[in-house]
Structure formats: structure tokens, C-alpha cells
Amino acid sequence: MDEMLRVGVITATHGLAGEVKVFPTTDDPQRFRFLDEVYADTRKGLLCLHVDHVRFFKQLVIVHFAGLDKIEDVQGMVKCDLLVTRENALPLEEGQYYLADLIGLQVETEDGQVLGPLEDVMQTGANDVYIVRLSGNQKELLIPAIDECIRSVDLEQGKMIVHLLPGLAD
């Protein structure tokens, strides 16, 4: 399990006073209001940053980090992921999982047929769709993340059990 979870990506600088535009990759962008500390995943490693203030503009979060008061201070962080530690992550409800924990799970049908690893998660708005790379070939299987299809998720065993609705595997 990854100890760091992505909450956003710095997309651009904003103005001349060290602010950055962040595209949130969290389900709740308002969480930025309560963040004290984030880590920028730079090309030189993780850089701990202290959130000074945030505001919202359209689908973006405008963030200022303490001590970074000029555009030159933040230009090198464009395209960097913003991460939080697991202990600073939002708590999950029963049956919810961090996407980072799902990637790589072995996906099997209810009758024990191994389909392959969960390779990615597509967020469609209505519900997520799990992308499974079928074992033995290059085909992908798209499985909606709905109760009718996802029977169980066992992070400790690294396994997801699914029910394939008619037409999904064709």
C-alpha cells in the first residue's frame, strides 16, 4: 500500500505572488481548506509544503504555500503531484477504498476464474469503471464499480471478486 495519496496536481502558477493552480484529484476539493501540510512530488524527491491559504476558482484550487512568495519559487512545481500521508487522508466509509489501493488487485469471477489485474480506474461521474487487463492477452475488460458487479474487495489478500453481467465480457 502506498503511504502517500495524491490529492491534486499543480497545473500552473497563478499571478506573481507564489500561488499555484491545483487540479484536485480528491472526491472532496473542499478538503484543501483543512490541509496544513502537503508534499510536492518533484523531480528531486518529495518537498514538504505548508498550506498558507486556499481559494477556489471554477474546478481548480488556488493554493499559496508558506514562504513561497514569488512566482520563481513555484515555477518548478508545475505538473507535480500533491500528496498527503495516509494519516492526513480523509477517512473512508464502509465499502469505500482509495484508488491507489485498488490498482494492482487480482480480479476474479465468483466461480474462481482469474481475469487479471485491475490496471486503472476511470471516473465517469455516474460511477467508476474498473479497467482490468485480461491475463494472457492485451485486451481490457471494463467493469462498472456497482454493487451488482463488485462482490468483494480484500486488500489484504490483494483480490477483488466480481460478477460479470451479461454482455460485459463479450
Protein backbone atom coordinates (compact mmCIF):
# COMPACT_ATOMS: atom_id res chain seq x y z
CA MET A 1 0.00 0.00 0.00
CA ASP A 2 1.24 3.44 -0.87
CA GLU A 3 1.85 5.57 2.20
CA MET A 4 1.18 8.75 0.23
CA LEU A 5 -2.07 9.56 -1.56
CA ARG A 6 -2.47 12.07 -4.36
CA VAL A 7 -4.92 14.91 -3.70
CA GLY A 8 -4.10 17.11 -6.68
CA VAL A 9 -1.78 18.15 -9.47
CA ILE A 10 -0.23 21.60 -9.83
CA THR A 11 -1.28 22.77 -13.28
CA ALA A 12 0.15 26.29 -13.44
CA THR A 13 1.36 29.26 -11.49
CA HIS A 14 -1.20 31.94 -10.63
CA GLY A 15 -0.10 35.54 -10.53
CA LEU A 16 3.28 36.74 -9.30
CA ALA A 17 2.92 36.15 -5.53
CA GLY A 18 3.71 32.41 -5.44
CA GLU A 19 0.21 30.98 -5.85
CA VAL A 20 -0.40 27.83 -7.90
CA LYS A 21 -3.44 26.38 -9.62
CA VAL A 22 -4.19 22.84 -8.48
CA PHE A 23 -6.45 20.36 -10.23
CA PRO A 24 -7.95 18.35 -7.35
CA THR A 25 -7.87 14.57 -7.70
CA THR A 26 -9.80 14.02 -4.49
CA ASP A 27 -13.54 13.44 -4.24
CA ASP A 28 -13.85 16.47 -1.96
CA PRO A 29 -11.88 19.54 -3.15
CA GLN A 30 -13.04 21.39 -0.03
CA ARG A 31 -10.53 19.23 1.89
CA PHE A 32 -7.85 21.71 0.79
CA ARG A 33 -9.31 24.17 3.30
CA PHE A 34 -8.23 21.84 6.13
CA LEU A 35 -4.82 20.80 4.85
CA ASP A 36 -1.83 22.09 6.78
CA GLU A 37 0.85 20.09 5.02
CA VAL A 38 1.25 18.52 1.59
CA TYR A 39 4.15 17.03 -0.32
CA ALA A 40 5.05 18.03 -3.87
CA ASP A 41 6.45 15.09 -5.83
CA THR A 42 9.25 16.94 -7.62
CA ARG A 43 11.89 15.50 -9.91
CA LYS A 44 14.31 15.76 -6.96
CA GLY A 45 12.06 13.93 -4.49
CA LEU A 46 9.30 14.90 -2.07
CA LEU A 47 9.16 18.51 -0.91
CA CYS A 48 7.15 19.23 2.25
CA LEU A 49 4.98 22.34 1.85
CA HIS A 50 2.82 24.15 4.39
CA VAL A 51 -0.51 25.41 3.06
CA ASP A 52 -0.88 29.09 3.85
CA HIS A 53 -4.26 29.76 2.23
CA VAL A 54 -6.58 28.40 -0.45
CA ARG A 55 -9.41 29.68 -2.58
CA PHE A 56 -11.47 28.15 -5.33
CA PHE A 57 -11.84 29.14 -8.97
CA LYS A 58 -14.06 27.05 -11.26
CA GLN A 59 -12.83 23.44 -10.91
CA LEU A 60 -9.41 24.48 -9.60
CA VAL A 61 -7.98 25.25 -6.19
CA ILE A 62 -5.67 28.25 -5.90
CA VAL A 63 -3.07 27.48 -3.22
CA HIS A 64 -0.38 29.57 -1.57
CA PHE A 65 2.37 27.81 0.35
CA ALA A 66 4.07 29.43 3.34
CA GLY A 67 7.40 31.04 2.45
CA LEU A 68 6.92 30.78 -1.32
CA ASP A 69 6.02 34.36 -2.15
CA LYS A 70 7.31 34.81 -5.70
CA ILE A 71 6.44 33.16 -8.98
CA GLU A 72 10.04 31.98 -9.25
CA ASP A 73 9.57 29.97 -6.04
CA VAL A 74 6.81 27.81 -7.55
CA GLN A 75 7.53 27.66 -11.29
CA GLY A 76 9.45 24.41 -10.95
CA MET A 77 6.47 22.70 -9.31
CA VAL A 78 4.17 22.88 -12.34
CA LYS A 79 2.95 19.36 -13.24
CA CYS A 80 3.95 17.99 -9.82
CA ASP A 81 1.56 15.78 -7.87
CA LEU A 82 0.46 16.96 -4.43
CA LEU A 83 0.41 14.15 -1.89
CA VAL A 84 -0.76 13.66 1.68
CA THR A 85 0.20 10.99 4.15
CA ARG A 86 -2.36 8.29 4.91
CA GLU A 87 -2.91 9.70 8.39
CA ASN A 88 -3.86 13.05 6.79
CA ALA A 89 -6.16 11.44 4.24
CA LEU A 90 -9.92 11.74 4.52
CA PRO A 91 -11.48 8.83 6.42
CA LEU A 92 -13.40 6.35 4.31
CA GLU A 93 -16.85 4.93 4.91
CA GLU A 94 -17.58 1.21 4.84
CA GLY A 95 -17.13 -0.16 1.33
CA GLN A 96 -15.03 2.79 0.12
CA TYR A 97 -11.41 2.44 -0.97
CA TYR A 98 -8.59 4.71 -2.06
CA LEU A 99 -7.98 4.29 -5.78
CA ALA A 100 -4.28 3.74 -5.11
CA ASP A 101 -5.19 0.65 -3.05
CA LEU A 102 -7.33 -0.86 -5.82
CA ILE A 103 -4.76 -0.62 -8.61
CA GLY A 104 -2.99 -3.95 -8.95
CA LEU A 105 -5.63 -6.10 -7.24
CA GLN A 106 -6.10 -9.51 -8.85
CA VAL A 107 -9.64 -9.65 -10.29
CA GLU A 108 -11.51 -12.96 -10.30
CA THR A 109 -15.05 -14.02 -11.09
CA GLU A 110 -17.31 -15.57 -8.46
CA ASP A 111 -16.52 -19.03 -9.82
CA GLY A 112 -12.76 -18.53 -9.42
CA GLN A 113 -11.80 -17.61 -12.99
CA VAL A 114 -8.78 -15.28 -12.88
CA LEU A 115 -9.40 -12.30 -15.15
CA GLY A 116 -6.23 -10.30 -14.49
CA PRO A 117 -5.00 -7.26 -12.59
CA LEU A 118 -7.02 -4.11 -12.05
CA GLU A 119 -4.95 -1.71 -14.11
CA ASP A 120 -6.74 1.61 -13.78
CA VAL A 121 -9.93 3.31 -12.65
CA MET A 122 -11.95 5.50 -15.00
CA GLN A 123 -14.02 8.11 -13.19
CA THR A 124 -17.10 8.74 -15.31
CA GLY A 125 -19.25 10.80 -12.96
CA ALA A 126 -22.11 8.33 -12.59
CA ASN A 127 -19.90 5.55 -11.24
CA ASP A 128 -16.29 4.49 -11.55
CA VAL A 129 -15.31 1.87 -14.10
CA TYR A 130 -12.54 -0.59 -13.33
CA ILE A 131 -10.16 -1.39 -16.17
CA VAL A 132 -8.89 -4.96 -15.94
CA ARG A 133 -6.06 -6.25 -18.16
CA LEU A 134 -7.13 -9.76 -19.15
CA SER A 135 -4.49 -12.38 -18.39
CA GLY A 136 -2.77 -13.84 -21.40
CA ASN A 137 -3.60 -11.08 -23.89
CA GLN A 138 -3.71 -7.34 -24.39
CA LYS A 139 -7.48 -6.95 -24.10
CA GLU A 140 -9.10 -4.81 -21.44
CA LEU A 141 -12.31 -5.58 -19.62
CA LEU A 142 -14.36 -2.64 -18.33
CA ILE A 143 -16.30 -3.42 -15.17
CA PRO A 144 -18.65 -0.84 -13.64
CA ALA A 145 -17.99 -0.26 -9.94
CA ILE A 146 -21.54 -1.04 -8.87
CA ASP A 147 -22.86 -3.44 -6.25
CA GLU A 148 -24.25 -5.79 -8.91
CA CYS A 149 -20.73 -6.34 -10.29
CA ILE A 150 -18.31 -5.90 -7.40
CA ARG A 151 -18.95 -8.71 -4.91
CA SER A 152 -15.98 -8.22 -2.58
CA VAL A 153 -12.69 -6.40 -2.19
CA ASP A 154 -9.99 -7.89 0.01
CA LEU A 155 -6.99 -5.56 0.23
CA GLU A 156 -5.06 -7.91 2.50
CA GLN A 157 -5.39 -10.79 0.02
CA GLY A 158 -4.93 -8.43 -2.96
CA LYS A 159 -8.11 -9.72 -4.58
CA MET A 160 -11.40 -8.43 -5.98
CA ILE A 161 -14.29 -10.80 -6.73
CA VAL A 162 -16.66 -9.70 -9.48
CA HIS A 163 -19.89 -10.80 -11.09
CA LEU A 164 -19.86 -10.26 -14.84
CA LEU A 165 -23.22 -9.04 -16.06
CA PRO A 166 -24.35 -10.40 -19.46
CA GLY A 167 -22.52 -8.61 -22.25
CA LEU A 168 -19.57 -7.33 -20.21
CA ALA A 169 -17.09 -10.00 -21.26
CA ASP A 170 -18.16 -10.24 -24.91
